[in-house]
């Protein structure tokens, strides 16, 4: 359990991109001091403009990760794993440099729904056994396991958020639609899950204000849809032509291997644990409502 008598002193965000900036804004509005890791000068400039304290470090350079302001921090780890392999060595480097004198008060990690693999369109919850089938999901699952083991060894509360697809302003596949890249016929398209970026940010904050130590939460808006419906809905809303539809044989030739790896996995996420335990009222409970905020 999180020790209520020892609240976190400040917020530290590792991997402070779009979601990190949204989370930082919420905590700053609550008068909390926010720090973020920055690798490039452009990131340092951006964080300073947002009044976020910066720590220059590189997750691929273990020596740069010493003396981070992690002691008694609410630590968000949003950084992606490396692009290749089945292990998240960035997570390894990071945890190895959090010694006993720099332990956070609570660590919250954004993982992926991909760790469940293909479930044939079935409804899944947090008790569904992980079955990562592609390397990108295996890297995330490796990071989860590293964190859980490290948290137990060091008595640091760990919370894992398994997130579906994220959409929001500047996160829509508009160029893909403009380029008329094909999609599968709707009867072939897999079940998918998504969450608006603003909702994900408020979920990240709620995970720190509730007693979520050791818990895993599936994060999505809970609506049932498929990938082709997702692209068609965005196209209609934005006044763009819907993508041409193809069967699997044509898809293997016309669609990138990266997208195909998503299309070959189908699952519906039960978000009831997130809604009930984190007491979340979604800002955008459906894609059609969320799209209004995106343009």
Protein backbone atom coordinates (compact mmCIF):
# COMPACT_ATOMS: atom_id res chain seq x y z
CA UNK A 1 0.00 0.00 0.00
CA UNK A 2 1.01 3.57 -0.56
CA UNK A 3 2.07 5.17 2.71
CA UNK A 4 -0.46 7.97 3.18
CA UNK A 5 1.78 9.56 5.82
CA UNK A 6 4.58 10.02 3.28
CA UNK A 7 3.09 11.62 0.18
CA UNK A 8 5.33 12.15 -2.82
CA UNK A 9 7.41 15.31 -2.80
CA UNK A 10 7.24 16.05 -6.51
CA UNK A 11 6.48 14.51 -9.91
CA UNK A 12 9.16 13.05 -12.20
CA UNK A 13 8.21 12.11 -15.78
CA UNK A 14 10.46 9.82 -17.82
CA UNK A 15 9.39 9.99 -21.44
CA UNK A 16 7.61 13.34 -21.36
CA UNK A 17 5.89 13.47 -24.75
CA UNK A 18 2.28 14.31 -25.49
CA UNK A 19 0.80 12.33 -22.60
CA UNK A 20 3.56 13.41 -20.22
CA UNK A 21 2.89 17.08 -20.96
CA UNK A 22 -0.82 16.58 -20.33
CA UNK A 23 -0.10 14.87 -17.00
CA UNK A 24 2.41 17.57 -16.09
CA UNK A 25 -0.20 20.27 -16.73
CA UNK A 26 -2.68 18.61 -14.37
CA UNK A 27 -0.13 18.32 -11.56
CA UNK A 28 1.15 21.86 -12.06
CA UNK A 29 -2.42 23.12 -11.82
CA UNK A 30 -2.54 21.27 -8.50
CA UNK A 31 0.56 23.22 -7.39
CA UNK A 32 2.92 20.22 -7.62
CA UNK A 33 6.50 20.62 -8.78
CA UNK A 34 7.17 18.66 -11.98
CA UNK A 35 10.51 17.38 -13.32
CA UNK A 36 11.07 15.65 -16.65
CA UNK A 37 13.95 13.85 -18.33
CA UNK A 38 15.14 15.55 -21.52
CA UNK A 39 17.62 14.15 -24.01
CA UNK A 40 17.73 16.96 -26.60
CA UNK A 41 18.11 20.71 -26.38
CA UNK A 42 14.74 21.12 -28.11
CA UNK A 43 13.07 19.11 -25.33
CA UNK A 44 14.82 21.21 -22.69
CA UNK A 45 13.55 24.39 -24.34
CA UNK A 46 10.01 22.99 -24.59
CA UNK A 47 9.93 21.94 -20.94
CA UNK A 48 11.22 25.30 -19.80
CA UNK A 49 8.46 27.01 -21.76
CA UNK A 50 5.99 24.78 -19.91
CA UNK A 51 7.66 25.61 -16.55
CA UNK A 52 8.79 22.01 -16.10
CA UNK A 53 12.13 21.43 -14.37
CA UNK A 54 14.49 19.54 -16.67
CA UNK A 55 17.02 16.77 -16.09
CA UNK A 56 19.25 16.07 -19.08
CA UNK A 57 19.69 12.31 -19.49
CA UNK A 58 19.55 9.56 -22.11
CA UNK A 59 17.94 6.20 -21.36
CA UNK A 60 20.37 4.58 -23.81
CA UNK A 61 23.31 5.93 -21.79
CA UNK A 62 23.30 4.35 -18.33
CA UNK A 63 25.98 6.73 -17.02
CA UNK A 64 23.70 9.74 -17.62
CA UNK A 65 21.00 8.34 -15.32
CA UNK A 66 22.72 8.92 -11.99
CA UNK A 67 21.50 11.44 -9.43
CA UNK A 68 18.03 11.88 -10.89
CA UNK A 69 15.46 13.66 -8.66
CA UNK A 70 13.63 10.39 -8.02
CA UNK A 71 13.79 10.31 -4.21
CA UNK A 72 10.21 10.24 -2.82
CA UNK A 73 8.91 11.25 -6.26
CA UNK A 74 5.73 10.23 -7.99
CA UNK A 75 7.54 8.71 -10.96
CA UNK A 76 5.81 8.23 -14.30
CA UNK A 77 7.64 6.04 -16.81
CA UNK A 78 6.21 6.78 -20.26
CA UNK A 79 9.34 6.17 -22.35
CA UNK A 80 9.05 3.61 -25.18
CA UNK A 81 11.32 0.56 -25.26
CA UNK A 82 14.08 0.26 -27.86
CA UNK A 83 12.91 -0.31 -31.43
CA UNK A 84 14.30 -3.85 -31.67
CA UNK A 85 14.67 -6.98 -29.58
CA UNK A 86 12.48 -8.63 -26.95
CA UNK A 87 14.00 -6.92 -23.89
CA UNK A 88 13.62 -3.33 -22.69
CA UNK A 89 17.19 -2.43 -21.89
CA UNK A 90 16.20 1.20 -21.32
CA UNK A 91 14.13 0.06 -18.38
CA UNK A 92 17.05 -2.08 -17.20
CA UNK A 93 19.42 0.90 -17.29
CA UNK A 94 16.93 3.11 -15.52
CA UNK A 95 16.16 0.73 -12.66
CA UNK A 96 19.82 -0.11 -12.12
CA UNK A 97 20.47 3.55 -11.38
CA UNK A 98 17.67 3.96 -8.83
CA UNK A 99 19.64 3.08 -5.73
CA UNK A 100 18.34 2.95 -2.16
CA UNK A 101 19.02 6.66 -1.71
CA UNK A 102 16.87 7.66 -4.70
CA UNK A 103 13.78 5.46 -4.44
CA UNK A 104 10.49 6.96 -5.65
CA UNK A 105 7.35 6.97 -3.55
CA UNK A 106 5.32 5.39 -6.36
CA UNK A 107 6.06 4.37 -9.96
CA UNK A 108 3.37 4.31 -12.66
CA UNK A 109 4.12 2.66 -15.99
CA UNK A 110 2.23 2.91 -19.29
CA UNK A 111 2.29 -0.49 -20.96
CA UNK A 112 0.26 -1.78 -23.91
CA UNK A 113 -2.79 -3.94 -24.48
CA UNK A 114 -0.58 -5.76 -26.99
CA UNK A 115 0.81 -7.91 -24.17
CA UNK A 116 -2.44 -9.95 -24.39
CA UNK A 117 -1.73 -10.90 -28.00
CA UNK A 118 -4.50 -12.14 -30.28
CA UNK A 119 -7.60 -13.11 -28.28
CA UNK A 120 -9.83 -13.81 -31.29
CA UNK A 121 -12.06 -10.84 -30.51
CA UNK A 122 -12.85 -12.11 -26.99
CA UNK A 123 -13.52 -9.82 -24.04
CA UNK A 124 -10.48 -9.72 -21.77
CA UNK A 125 -9.79 -8.37 -18.29
CA UNK A 126 -6.73 -7.97 -16.09
CA UNK A 127 -6.85 -11.67 -15.17
CA UNK A 128 -6.37 -12.73 -18.80
CA UNK A 129 -2.89 -14.32 -19.05
CA UNK A 130 -0.39 -12.26 -21.06
CA UNK A 131 0.44 -13.74 -24.46
CA UNK A 132 2.64 -11.24 -26.33
CA UNK A 133 3.19 -12.43 -29.87
CA UNK A 134 5.25 -9.70 -31.53
CA UNK A 135 8.52 -8.17 -30.39
CA UNK A 136 7.05 -4.73 -29.60
CA UNK A 137 4.64 -6.37 -27.13
CA UNK A 138 7.32 -8.66 -25.73
CA UNK A 139 9.49 -5.63 -24.93
CA UNK A 140 6.63 -4.05 -23.01
CA UNK A 141 5.93 -7.26 -21.10
CA UNK A 142 9.62 -7.53 -20.26
CA UNK A 143 9.47 -3.99 -18.84
CA UNK A 144 6.41 -4.92 -16.76
CA UNK A 145 8.18 -7.94 -15.30
CA UNK A 146 11.33 -5.95 -14.54
CA UNK A 147 9.26 -3.33 -12.73
CA UNK A 148 7.25 -5.81 -10.71
CA UNK A 149 10.36 -7.64 -9.54
CA UNK A 150 12.22 -4.42 -8.78
CA UNK A 151 9.23 -2.99 -6.90
CA UNK A 152 9.03 -6.04 -4.65
CA UNK A 153 12.76 -6.01 -3.95
CA UNK A 154 12.76 -2.32 -3.05
CA UNK A 155 9.28 -1.96 -1.48
CA UNK A 156 8.26 0.60 -4.11
CA UNK A 157 4.58 0.60 -5.17
CA UNK A 158 4.18 -0.17 -8.88
CA UNK A 159 1.06 0.52 -10.95
CA UNK A 160 0.77 -0.70 -14.54
CA UNK A 161 -1.64 0.79 -17.09
CA UNK A 162 -2.19 -1.45 -20.13
CA UNK A 163 -3.34 1.01 -22.75
CA UNK A 164 -5.07 0.47 -26.09
CA UNK A 165 -4.64 2.85 -29.03
CA UNK A 166 -4.33 6.54 -28.11
CA UNK A 167 -6.00 9.25 -30.18
CA UNK A 168 -6.32 12.99 -29.80
CA UNK A 169 -5.23 16.26 -31.41
CA UNK A 170 -2.33 15.63 -33.79
CA UNK A 171 -2.70 11.87 -33.17
CA UNK A 172 -5.13 11.03 -35.98
CA UNK A 173 -4.13 9.03 -39.11
CA UNK A 174 -5.02 11.89 -41.46
CA UNK A 175 -2.04 11.47 -43.77
CA UNK A 176 -2.75 7.77 -44.12
CA UNK A 177 -6.32 8.59 -45.15
CA UNK A 178 -5.16 11.26 -47.59
CA UNK A 179 -2.75 8.75 -49.14
CA UNK A 180 -5.63 6.28 -49.51
CA UNK A 181 -3.73 3.41 -47.96
CA UNK A 182 -6.05 0.38 -47.98
CA UNK A 183 -7.71 -1.22 -44.97
CA UNK A 184 -9.31 -4.60 -44.47
CA UNK A 185 -12.96 -5.18 -45.26
CA UNK A 186 -14.92 -4.51 -42.08
CA UNK A 187 -15.97 -8.16 -41.67
CA UNK A 188 -12.25 -9.08 -41.58
CA UNK A 189 -11.09 -6.20 -39.40
CA UNK A 190 -10.04 -6.92 -35.79
CA UNK A 191 -11.69 -5.64 -32.62
CA UNK A 192 -9.67 -2.72 -31.24
CA UNK A 193 -9.56 -0.52 -28.15
CA UNK A 194 -8.69 3.14 -27.77
CA UNK A 195 -8.61 6.04 -25.33
CA UNK A 196 -8.51 9.81 -25.80
CA UNK A 197 -5.24 11.42 -24.73
CA UNK A 198 -7.02 13.70 -22.22
CA UNK A 199 -8.71 10.71 -20.61
CA UNK A 200 -5.44 8.81 -20.41
CA UNK A 201 -3.86 11.80 -18.66
CA UNK A 202 -6.61 11.96 -16.02
CA UNK A 203 -6.32 8.18 -15.53
CA UNK A 204 -2.57 8.56 -14.92
CA UNK A 205 -3.31 11.14 -12.23
CA UNK A 206 -6.09 9.07 -10.67
CA UNK A 207 -3.72 6.09 -10.45
CA UNK A 208 -1.53 8.19 -8.16
CA UNK A 209 -4.32 9.46 -5.93
CA UNK A 210 -5.91 6.05 -5.27
CA UNK A 211 -4.40 3.05 -3.51
CA UNK A 212 -3.23 1.26 -6.66
CA UNK A 213 0.02 -0.33 -5.44
CA UNK A 214 0.68 -3.59 -7.26
CA UNK A 215 -2.39 -3.19 -9.49
CA UNK A 216 -2.77 -3.53 -13.26
CA UNK A 217 -5.51 -1.66 -15.13
CA UNK A 218 -6.82 -2.08 -18.65
CA UNK A 219 -7.23 1.39 -20.13
CA UNK A 220 -9.75 2.06 -22.89
CA UNK A 221 -13.03 3.91 -23.36
CA UNK A 222 -14.81 0.56 -23.40
CA UNK A 223 -16.55 0.97 -26.75
CA UNK A 224 -16.59 -1.95 -29.18
CA UNK A 225 -15.31 -1.21 -32.66
CA UNK A 226 -12.89 -2.46 -35.26
CA UNK A 227 -9.92 -0.91 -37.00
CA UNK A 228 -11.73 -0.23 -40.28
CA UNK A 229 -14.63 1.42 -38.46
CA UNK A 230 -12.06 3.62 -36.70
CA UNK A 231 -10.56 4.85 -39.98
CA UNK A 232 -13.98 5.29 -41.61
CA UNK A 233 -15.30 7.33 -38.67
CA UNK A 234 -12.30 9.66 -38.79
CA UNK A 235 -12.56 10.00 -42.58
CA UNK A 236 -16.25 10.92 -42.39
CA UNK A 237 -15.71 13.40 -39.58
CA UNK A 238 -12.82 15.12 -41.37
CA UNK A 239 -14.47 15.16 -44.77
CA UNK A 240 -11.94 12.76 -46.29
CA UNK A 241 -12.51 9.81 -48.59
CA UNK A 242 -12.78 6.49 -46.81
CA UNK A 243 -9.83 4.12 -47.41
CA UNK A 244 -10.20 1.46 -50.10
CA UNK A 245 -10.98 -1.97 -48.69
CA UNK A 246 -9.06 -5.15 -49.45
CA UNK A 247 -9.02 -8.80 -48.40
CA UNK A 248 -6.15 -10.47 -46.54
CA UNK A 249 -4.32 -11.51 -49.71
CA UNK A 250 -4.30 -7.95 -51.03
CA UNK A 251 -3.50 -6.55 -47.57
CA UNK A 252 -0.29 -8.58 -47.39
CA UNK A 253 0.90 -6.66 -50.47
CA UNK A 254 -0.51 -3.19 -49.82
CA UNK A 255 -0.26 -2.66 -46.06
CA UNK A 256 2.96 -2.23 -44.07
CA UNK A 257 4.20 -5.05 -41.87
CA UNK A 258 3.85 -2.81 -38.84
CA UNK A 259 0.14 -2.20 -39.46
CA UNK A 260 -0.42 -5.84 -40.39
CA UNK A 261 0.92 -6.89 -37.00
CA UNK A 262 -1.88 -4.84 -35.39
CA UNK A 263 -4.52 -6.13 -37.79
CA UNK A 264 -3.66 -9.73 -36.89
CA UNK A 265 -4.59 -9.22 -33.23
CA UNK A 266 -8.19 -8.88 -32.06
CA UNK A 267 -9.49 -8.31 -28.52
CA UNK A 268 -12.01 -6.29 -26.53
CA UNK A 269 -10.83 -4.81 -23.24
CA UNK A 270 -13.01 -4.78 -20.16
CA UNK A 271 -12.36 -1.38 -18.55
CA UNK A 272 -14.67 -1.86 -15.53
CA UNK A 273 -11.80 -2.17 -13.03
CA UNK A 274 -10.36 1.15 -14.22
CA UNK A 275 -13.76 2.87 -14.08
CA UNK A 276 -14.73 1.52 -10.67
CA UNK A 277 -11.47 1.50 -8.72
CA UNK A 278 -10.05 4.74 -10.12
CA UNK A 279 -13.49 6.38 -10.07
CA UNK A 280 -13.07 7.63 -13.62
CA UNK A 281 -15.71 9.60 -15.48
CA UNK A 282 -14.52 9.63 -19.05
CA UNK A 283 -14.40 13.00 -20.78
CA UNK A 284 -14.77 11.29 -24.15
CA UNK A 285 -16.57 7.94 -23.75
CA UNK A 286 -16.67 7.35 -27.50
CA UNK A 287 -14.62 8.15 -30.60
CA UNK A 288 -17.35 10.36 -32.08
CA UNK A 289 -17.35 12.54 -28.96
CA UNK A 290 -13.56 12.60 -28.78
CA UNK A 291 -13.09 13.65 -32.39
CA UNK A 292 -14.76 16.99 -31.69
CA UNK A 293 -11.74 17.93 -29.58
CA UNK A 294 -9.20 16.93 -32.21
CA UNK A 295 -9.62 19.55 -34.93
